Protein backbone atom coordinates (compact mmCIF):
# COMPACT_ATOMS: atom_id res chain seq x y z
CA MET A 1 0.00 0.00 0.00
CA LEU A 2 1.32 3.44 -0.99
CA LEU A 3 1.33 6.04 1.80
CA PHE A 4 2.38 9.70 1.75
CA ASP A 5 3.75 11.63 4.72
CA GLN A 6 2.89 15.27 3.91
CA ALA A 7 5.21 16.81 6.54
CA ALA A 8 8.27 14.82 5.41
CA HIS A 9 7.18 14.79 1.74
CA ARG A 10 7.95 11.06 1.74
CA TYR A 11 6.24 8.17 0.03
CA THR A 12 6.39 4.63 1.38
CA PHE A 13 5.16 1.39 -0.11
CA ASN A 14 4.55 -1.37 2.42
CA GLY A 15 6.83 0.46 4.85
CA VAL A 16 9.71 0.98 2.38
CA THR A 17 10.67 4.54 1.37
CA VAL A 18 10.04 5.10 -2.33
CA PRO A 19 11.90 7.69 -4.44
CA ASN A 20 9.51 10.42 -5.56
CA VAL A 21 9.49 12.09 -8.95
CA THR A 22 10.07 15.64 -7.71
CA SER A 23 12.97 14.76 -5.41
CA VAL A 24 14.64 12.62 -8.09
CA LEU A 25 14.52 15.49 -10.58
CA ASP A 26 15.51 18.15 -8.03
CA ALA A 27 18.58 16.12 -7.08
CA THR A 28 19.69 15.39 -10.65
CA LEU A 29 18.22 17.77 -13.24
CA ASP A 30 16.91 20.92 -11.58
CA GLN A 31 19.80 22.72 -9.96
CA PHE A 32 18.59 25.75 -8.03
CA SER A 33 21.87 26.60 -6.31
CA HIS A 34 21.99 29.90 -8.23
CA VAL A 35 18.58 30.97 -6.86
CA LEU A 36 18.44 32.87 -3.58
CA ALA A 37 16.93 30.77 -0.78
CA ASP A 38 14.19 33.29 0.07
CA ARG A 39 13.14 33.55 -3.59
CA LEU A 40 13.06 29.77 -3.90
CA GLU A 41 10.96 29.45 -0.73
CA TYR A 42 8.52 32.13 -1.97
CA ALA A 43 8.12 30.27 -5.28
CA ARG A 44 7.55 26.98 -3.44
CA GLN A 45 4.88 28.51 -1.18
CA LEU A 46 3.19 30.24 -4.11
CA GLY A 47 3.17 26.99 -6.10
CA THR A 48 1.62 25.14 -3.18
CA ALA A 49 -1.06 27.82 -2.76
CA VAL A 50 -1.87 27.81 -6.49
CA HIS A 51 -2.13 24.01 -6.53
CA THR A 52 -4.41 24.09 -3.48
CA ALA A 53 -6.70 26.74 -4.99
CA THR A 54 -6.97 25.02 -8.38
CA ALA A 55 -7.56 21.63 -6.73
CA LEU A 56 -10.33 23.02 -4.53
CA TYR A 57 -11.86 24.69 -7.59
CA ASP A 58 -11.77 21.41 -9.54
CA LEU A 59 -13.33 19.57 -6.61
CA ASP A 60 -16.11 22.21 -6.36
CA ASP A 61 -14.99 22.98 -2.81
CA LEU A 62 -13.42 26.43 -3.21
CA VAL A 63 -14.48 29.49 -1.24
CA VAL A 64 -13.22 32.19 -3.62
CA GLU A 65 -13.10 34.80 -0.84
CA SER A 66 -10.48 32.68 0.94
CA VAL A 67 -8.02 32.84 -1.98
CA PRO A 68 -5.11 35.22 -1.31
CA LEU A 69 -4.85 38.14 -3.74
CA THR A 70 -1.43 36.92 -4.89
CA VAL A 71 -2.97 33.57 -5.90
CA LEU A 72 -6.17 34.89 -7.50
CA PRO A 73 -4.70 35.67 -10.98
CA TYR A 74 -3.32 32.12 -11.23
CA LEU A 75 -6.70 30.70 -10.29
CA GLU A 76 -8.37 32.94 -12.88
CA ALA A 77 -5.91 31.64 -15.49
CA TRP A 78 -6.82 28.04 -14.57
CA ILE A 79 -10.54 28.80 -14.77
CA GLU A 80 -10.01 30.38 -18.20
CA PHE A 81 -7.99 27.36 -19.37
CA ARG A 82 -10.82 25.05 -18.29
CA ARG A 83 -13.44 27.27 -19.97
CA ALA A 84 -11.50 27.70 -23.23
CA THR A 85 -10.54 24.04 -23.66
CA GLY A 86 -13.52 22.32 -22.04
CA PHE A 87 -11.14 20.32 -19.83
CA LYS A 88 -12.86 18.63 -16.90
CA PRO A 89 -10.56 16.61 -14.64
CA ASP A 90 -11.21 12.95 -13.91
CA THR A 91 -8.54 12.93 -11.21
CA VAL A 92 -7.15 15.75 -9.07
CA GLU A 93 -3.77 15.52 -7.27
CA GLU A 94 -3.62 11.73 -7.64
CA ARG A 95 -0.83 9.72 -6.02
CA VAL A 96 0.67 7.18 -8.41
CA PHE A 97 3.18 4.37 -7.97
CA ASN A 98 5.23 2.52 -10.57
CA ALA A 99 6.02 -0.91 -9.11
CA ARG A 100 8.22 -1.91 -12.04
CA HIS A 101 10.64 1.00 -11.61
CA PHE A 102 9.84 1.63 -7.93
CA TYR A 103 9.00 5.34 -7.73
CA ALA A 104 5.97 7.39 -6.74
CA GLY A 105 4.59 10.88 -7.15
CA THR A 106 1.47 13.02 -7.25
CA LEU A 107 0.21 14.02 -10.68
CA ASP A 108 -1.84 17.19 -11.00
CA ARG A 109 -4.74 16.20 -13.27
CA THR A 110 -5.95 13.64 -15.76
CA GLY A 111 -8.99 13.97 -17.98
CA GLU A 112 -10.15 14.35 -21.51
CA LEU A 113 -8.54 17.25 -23.37
CA PHE A 114 -9.44 17.80 -27.03
CA GLY A 115 -11.15 14.40 -27.02
CA VAL A 116 -8.11 12.45 -25.78
CA GLY A 117 -7.21 11.04 -22.36
CA SER A 118 -4.51 13.39 -21.11
CA LEU A 119 -2.27 14.16 -18.17
CA VAL A 120 -2.17 17.88 -17.33
CA ASP A 121 0.58 19.37 -15.17
CA ILE A 122 0.09 22.82 -13.65
CA LYS A 123 2.98 25.27 -13.27
CA SER A 124 2.91 28.70 -11.63
CA GLY A 125 6.53 29.59 -12.34
CA ALA A 126 9.09 29.23 -15.08
CA LEU A 127 8.90 26.05 -17.13
CA MET A 128 11.99 24.01 -16.39
CA PRO A 129 13.30 21.53 -18.99
CA SER A 130 12.60 18.75 -16.49
CA VAL A 131 8.82 19.15 -16.96
CA GLY A 132 9.05 16.61 -19.80
CA PRO A 133 10.70 13.86 -17.71
CA GLN A 134 8.47 14.77 -14.74
CA THR A 135 5.21 14.36 -16.66
CA ALA A 136 6.55 11.24 -18.42
CA ALA A 137 7.19 9.63 -15.02
CA TYR A 138 3.61 10.38 -13.87
CA PHE A 139 2.22 9.29 -17.26
CA GLU A 140 4.03 5.93 -17.10
CA ALA A 141 3.05 5.34 -13.47
CA LYS A 142 -0.62 6.09 -14.23
CA ASN A 143 -0.66 3.96 -17.40
CA HIS A 144 1.27 1.17 -15.64
CA ARG A 145 -1.56 0.44 -13.23
CA ASN A 146 -4.64 1.53 -15.18
CA SER A 147 -6.49 -0.12 -18.02
CA ALA A 148 -7.75 3.29 -19.20
CA LYS A 149 -4.60 4.58 -20.88
CA LEU A 150 -3.64 8.20 -21.23
CA SER A 151 -2.49 9.32 -24.68
CA HIS A 152 -1.10 12.84 -24.24
CA ARG A 153 0.87 14.95 -21.76
CA TRP A 154 0.33 18.70 -21.35
CA VAL A 155 1.78 21.43 -19.19
CA VAL A 156 -0.30 24.51 -18.39
CA GLN A 157 1.68 27.51 -17.18
CA LEU A 158 -0.47 29.88 -15.14
CA ASN A 159 0.68 33.50 -15.04
CA ASP A 160 0.34 36.29 -12.50
CA ASP A 161 -1.62 38.39 -15.01
CA GLY A 162 -4.47 35.86 -15.29
CA THR A 163 -3.30 34.34 -18.57
CA TYR A 164 -2.06 30.85 -19.30
CA LYS A 165 0.13 29.09 -21.81
CA MET A 166 -0.22 25.43 -22.65
CA GLU A 167 2.18 23.09 -24.36
CA GLN A 168 1.91 19.47 -25.40
CA LEU A 169 4.94 17.43 -24.32
CA ARG A 170 5.93 14.97 -27.05
CA ASP A 171 9.58 14.07 -26.55
CA LYS A 172 9.72 10.27 -26.62
CA GLU A 173 13.00 10.34 -24.67
CA ASP A 174 11.45 12.02 -21.60
CA PHE A 175 10.82 8.77 -19.73
CA SER A 176 14.32 7.48 -20.51
CA VAL A 177 15.71 10.72 -19.08
CA PHE A 178 13.63 10.24 -15.94
CA LEU A 179 14.85 6.65 -15.56
CA ALA A 180 18.47 7.84 -15.93
CA ALA A 181 17.83 10.47 -13.24
CA LEU A 182 16.21 7.82 -11.02
CA THR A 183 19.24 5.54 -11.42
CA LEU A 184 21.63 8.40 -10.62
CA SER A 185 19.54 9.44 -7.62
CA GLN A 186 19.54 5.88 -6.27
CA TRP A 187 23.31 5.60 -6.80
CA ARG A 188 23.89 8.90 -4.99
CA SER A 189 21.71 7.79 -2.09
CA LYS A 190 23.42 4.40 -1.83
CA ASN A 191 26.87 6.03 -1.82
CA ASN A 192 25.94 9.02 0.39
CA VAL A 193 26.93 11.45 -2.34
């Protein structure tokens, strides 16, 4: 059984710690050493708040008056994306586990987009190159355990002016890159590097 400890941001499967997609990529592909710590923490908190607001909206459980003013434009961008594309999520913030490659993570959304089963990842900051491997890892984990297969991966970048940008992720090497990062992360952990 897959469990998630929110405070430690740690996944376990039957009591064994499982590498998670975000940590694997942070440790191998996304190097933020050049970013000031306070700026990085602000971006992390903003991202968490945006994800919470959009999730509550998608679950029809949002009290709009409770949304901080700094988060509101991002929420408006998400609402516009949903209106313009007709996207209605089937899953919201779903935890997934890939038993074959032994990793876990939480994908943002799945649902039908433009008539096709799709994974949709939400970003409230700059799009890092690792978004391809990140979404590929979620995509493979979701398809690994489900008979209803997803066909496409998308990233939706929400902006502080209430606009959004969406991009389909098509690089067939993305999952191979993730697996290479996973192997490197496991090696580093095993060797205390």
